[in-house]
Amino acid sequence: MYELVDFIVGSLIDKSKYELVIVEDGDKADIKVLVDKDAVNAVIGKGGKIAKAIRTLVRSAGHKTDKSYGVYVEER
């Protein structure tokens, strides 16, 4: 899932403007996208539509595994 989120966010903004952090806890994994202040709007989107779409894709792809994934966008 890390690669999927990295690909999607990397196609939206420059790779130097964000970093990904994975926090795993048993059967749950959270992927935190830490974005620079000036680029956070490009990742969240108008009304949160882009962030919601990223979460939906990751959850759908995660159904093939035993883990549940969550994606969080945070400003750094």
N, C-alpha and C. Protein backbone atom coordinates (compact mmCIF):
# COMPACT_ATOMS: atom_id res chain seq x y z
N MET A 1 0.82 -1.19 0.00
CA MET A 1 0.00 0.00 0.00
C MET A 1 0.87 1.27 0.00
N TYR A 2 2.04 1.15 0.60
CA TYR A 2 2.97 2.28 0.64
C TYR A 2 3.26 2.77 -0.77
N GLU A 3 3.52 1.84 -1.68
CA GLU A 3 3.86 2.20 -3.05
C GLU A 3 2.67 2.84 -3.75
N LEU A 4 1.47 2.37 -3.47
CA LEU A 4 0.27 2.93 -4.09
C LEU A 4 0.06 4.37 -3.66
N VAL A 5 0.17 4.64 -2.37
CA VAL A 5 0.00 6.00 -1.86
C VAL A 5 1.12 6.89 -2.38
N ASP A 6 2.33 6.37 -2.41
CA ASP A 6 3.47 7.14 -2.91
C ASP A 6 3.26 7.51 -4.38
N PHE A 7 2.75 6.60 -5.18
CA PHE A 7 2.50 6.86 -6.59
C PHE A 7 1.42 7.93 -6.77
N ILE A 8 0.33 7.81 -6.03
CA ILE A 8 -0.79 8.75 -6.19
C ILE A 8 -0.38 10.15 -5.75
N VAL A 9 0.19 10.25 -4.56
CA VAL A 9 0.57 11.57 -4.05
C VAL A 9 1.71 12.15 -4.88
N GLY A 10 2.63 11.31 -5.33
CA GLY A 10 3.74 11.77 -6.15
C GLY A 10 3.29 12.30 -7.50
N SER A 11 2.16 11.82 -7.98
CA SER A 11 1.65 12.35 -9.25
C SER A 11 0.90 13.67 -9.04
N LEU A 12 0.51 13.97 -7.81
CA LEU A 12 -0.17 15.22 -7.52
C LEU A 12 0.80 16.36 -7.21
N ILE A 13 1.83 16.07 -6.42
CA ILE A 13 2.79 17.10 -6.01
C ILE A 13 4.21 16.55 -6.16
N ASP A 14 5.19 17.43 -6.06
CA ASP A 14 6.60 17.08 -6.17
C ASP A 14 7.01 16.21 -4.97
N LYS A 15 7.87 15.23 -5.21
CA LYS A 15 8.27 14.30 -4.16
C LYS A 15 9.03 14.95 -3.01
N SER A 16 9.59 16.13 -3.23
CA SER A 16 10.32 16.81 -2.17
C SER A 16 9.38 17.53 -1.20
N LYS A 17 8.10 17.60 -1.52
CA LYS A 17 7.15 18.33 -0.69
C LYS A 17 6.36 17.44 0.26
N TYR A 18 6.65 16.14 0.29
CA TYR A 18 5.92 15.25 1.20
C TYR A 18 6.81 14.08 1.62
N GLU A 19 6.37 13.42 2.66
CA GLU A 19 7.00 12.17 3.08
C GLU A 19 5.92 11.26 3.64
N LEU A 20 6.15 9.97 3.56
CA LEU A 20 5.19 8.99 4.04
C LEU A 20 5.74 8.30 5.28
N VAL A 21 4.87 8.11 6.26
CA VAL A 21 5.24 7.42 7.49
C VAL A 21 4.22 6.31 7.71
N ILE A 22 4.70 5.09 7.97
CA ILE A 22 3.80 3.96 8.20
C ILE A 22 3.85 3.60 9.68
N VAL A 23 2.67 3.49 10.28
CA VAL A 23 2.55 3.07 11.67
C VAL A 23 1.73 1.78 11.68
N GLU A 24 2.38 0.67 12.04
CA GLU A 24 1.69 -0.62 12.04
C GLU A 24 1.40 -1.06 13.47
N ASP A 25 0.21 -1.61 13.65
CA ASP A 25 -0.20 -2.10 14.96
C ASP A 25 -1.02 -3.37 14.75
N GLY A 26 -0.34 -4.50 14.73
CA GLY A 26 -1.02 -5.77 14.53
C GLY A 26 -1.61 -5.89 13.14
N ASP A 27 -2.93 -5.98 13.08
CA ASP A 27 -3.59 -6.14 11.78
C ASP A 27 -4.05 -4.81 11.18
N LYS A 28 -3.62 -3.70 11.76
CA LYS A 28 -3.98 -2.38 11.25
C LYS A 28 -2.71 -1.61 10.91
N ALA A 29 -2.74 -0.90 9.79
CA ALA A 29 -1.61 -0.07 9.38
C ALA A 29 -2.14 1.29 8.97
N ASP A 30 -1.52 2.33 9.48
CA ASP A 30 -1.87 3.69 9.13
C ASP A 30 -0.74 4.30 8.32
N ILE A 31 -1.10 4.92 7.22
CA ILE A 31 -0.13 5.60 6.37
C ILE A 31 -0.37 7.09 6.53
N LYS A 32 0.62 7.79 7.07
CA LYS A 32 0.51 9.23 7.26
C LYS A 32 1.27 9.93 6.14
N VAL A 33 0.60 10.83 5.48
CA VAL A 33 1.21 11.62 4.42
C VAL A 33 1.48 13.00 5.01
N LEU A 34 2.75 13.29 5.26
CA LEU A 34 3.15 14.57 5.82
C LEU A 34 3.51 15.50 4.67
N VAL A 35 2.70 16.54 4.48
CA VAL A 35 2.81 17.42 3.31
C VAL A 35 3.21 18.81 3.77
N ASP A 36 4.05 19.48 2.95
CA ASP A 36 4.40 20.87 3.21
C ASP A 36 3.15 21.75 3.20
N LYS A 37 3.24 22.85 3.92
CA LYS A 37 2.09 23.73 4.09
C LYS A 37 1.57 24.28 2.76
N ASP A 38 2.46 24.57 1.84
CA ASP A 38 2.02 25.17 0.58
C ASP A 38 1.43 24.16 -0.41
N ALA A 39 1.57 22.87 -0.15
CA ALA A 39 1.07 21.86 -1.08
C ALA A 39 -0.06 21.01 -0.52
N VAL A 40 -0.47 21.29 0.70
CA VAL A 40 -1.47 20.44 1.34
C VAL A 40 -2.82 20.52 0.62
N ASN A 41 -3.14 21.66 0.03
CA ASN A 41 -4.42 21.79 -0.68
C ASN A 41 -4.49 20.90 -1.90
N ALA A 42 -3.37 20.65 -2.55
CA ALA A 42 -3.36 19.79 -3.73
C ALA A 42 -3.61 18.33 -3.38
N VAL A 43 -3.26 17.93 -2.17
CA VAL A 43 -3.47 16.54 -1.76
C VAL A 43 -4.87 16.34 -1.18
N ILE A 44 -5.36 17.31 -0.44
CA ILE A 44 -6.68 17.17 0.16
C ILE A 44 -7.77 17.41 -0.88
N GLY A 45 -7.60 18.41 -1.70
CA GLY A 45 -8.59 18.70 -2.73
C GLY A 45 -9.74 19.52 -2.19
N LYS A 46 -10.58 19.96 -3.09
CA LYS A 46 -11.72 20.79 -2.72
C LYS A 46 -12.76 19.94 -1.98
N GLY A 47 -12.99 20.30 -0.74
CA GLY A 47 -13.94 19.55 0.07
C GLY A 47 -13.44 18.19 0.50
N GLY A 48 -12.15 17.93 0.34
CA GLY A 48 -11.57 16.66 0.75
C GLY A 48 -11.80 15.52 -0.23
N LYS A 49 -12.17 15.84 -1.46
CA LYS A 49 -12.51 14.81 -2.43
C LYS A 49 -11.31 13.96 -2.84
N ILE A 50 -10.15 14.57 -3.01
CA ILE A 50 -8.97 13.81 -3.42
C ILE A 50 -8.51 12.89 -2.29
N ALA A 51 -8.49 13.41 -1.06
CA ALA A 51 -8.09 12.59 0.08
C ALA A 51 -9.05 11.41 0.27
N LYS A 52 -10.32 11.65 0.09
CA LYS A 52 -11.32 10.58 0.22
C LYS A 52 -11.12 9.52 -0.86
N ALA A 53 -10.80 9.96 -2.07
CA ALA A 53 -10.56 9.02 -3.17
C ALA A 53 -9.31 8.17 -2.90
N ILE A 54 -8.27 8.78 -2.34
CA ILE A 54 -7.06 8.02 -2.01
C ILE A 54 -7.39 6.98 -0.95
N ARG A 55 -8.15 7.37 0.07
CA ARG A 55 -8.54 6.41 1.12
C ARG A 55 -9.36 5.26 0.56
N THR A 56 -10.26 5.57 -0.35
CA THR A 56 -11.10 4.54 -0.96
C THR A 56 -10.27 3.55 -1.76
N LEU A 57 -9.32 4.04 -2.55
CA LEU A 57 -8.45 3.16 -3.33
C LEU A 57 -7.61 2.26 -2.43
N VAL A 58 -7.07 2.83 -1.36
CA VAL A 58 -6.22 2.04 -0.46
C VAL A 58 -7.05 0.98 0.27
N ARG A 59 -8.24 1.35 0.73
CA ARG A 59 -9.09 0.36 1.39
C ARG A 59 -9.49 -0.76 0.45
N SER A 60 -9.81 -0.42 -0.79
CA SER A 60 -10.20 -1.43 -1.78
C SER A 60 -9.05 -2.36 -2.10
N ALA A 61 -7.87 -1.82 -2.27
CA ALA A 61 -6.70 -2.65 -2.54
C ALA A 61 -6.30 -3.47 -1.31
N GLY A 62 -6.61 -2.98 -0.13
CA GLY A 62 -6.25 -3.67 1.10
C GLY A 62 -7.14 -4.86 1.42
N HIS A 63 -8.24 -5.02 0.73
CA HIS A 63 -9.14 -6.15 1.01
C HIS A 63 -8.50 -7.49 0.64
N LYS A 64 -7.49 -7.46 -0.21
CA LYS A 64 -6.80 -8.69 -0.58
C LYS A 64 -5.84 -9.16 0.50
N THR A 65 -5.51 -8.30 1.44
CA THR A 65 -4.58 -8.65 2.51
C THR A 65 -5.36 -8.81 3.82
N ASP A 66 -4.67 -9.22 4.85
CA ASP A 66 -5.29 -9.39 6.16
C ASP A 66 -5.27 -8.11 6.98
N LYS A 67 -4.65 -7.07 6.48
CA LYS A 67 -4.55 -5.82 7.23
C LYS A 67 -5.59 -4.82 6.75
N SER A 68 -5.98 -3.95 7.66
CA SER A 68 -6.82 -2.82 7.27
C SER A 68 -5.93 -1.58 7.26
N TYR A 69 -6.12 -0.74 6.27
CA TYR A 69 -5.27 0.42 6.08
C TYR A 69 -6.07 1.70 6.23
N GLY A 70 -5.42 2.68 6.80
CA GLY A 70 -5.98 4.03 6.90
C GLY A 70 -4.95 5.02 6.36
N VAL A 71 -5.45 6.06 5.72
CA VAL A 71 -4.58 7.09 5.15
C VAL A 71 -4.94 8.41 5.78
N TYR A 72 -3.93 9.09 6.30
CA TYR A 72 -4.13 10.38 6.97
C TYR A 72 -3.21 11.42 6.34
N VAL A 73 -3.77 12.56 6.00
CA VAL A 73 -2.99 13.64 5.43
C VAL A 73 -2.78 14.68 6.51
N GLU A 74 -1.52 15.00 6.79
CA GLU A 74 -1.18 15.97 7.82
C GLU A 74 -0.20 16.99 7.27
N GLU A 75 -0.30 18.19 7.79
CA GLU A 75 0.60 19.26 7.41
C GLU A 75 1.85 19.18 8.27
N ARG A 76 3.02 19.38 7.64
CA ARG A 76 4.25 19.38 8.45
C ARG A 76 4.87 20.73 8.52
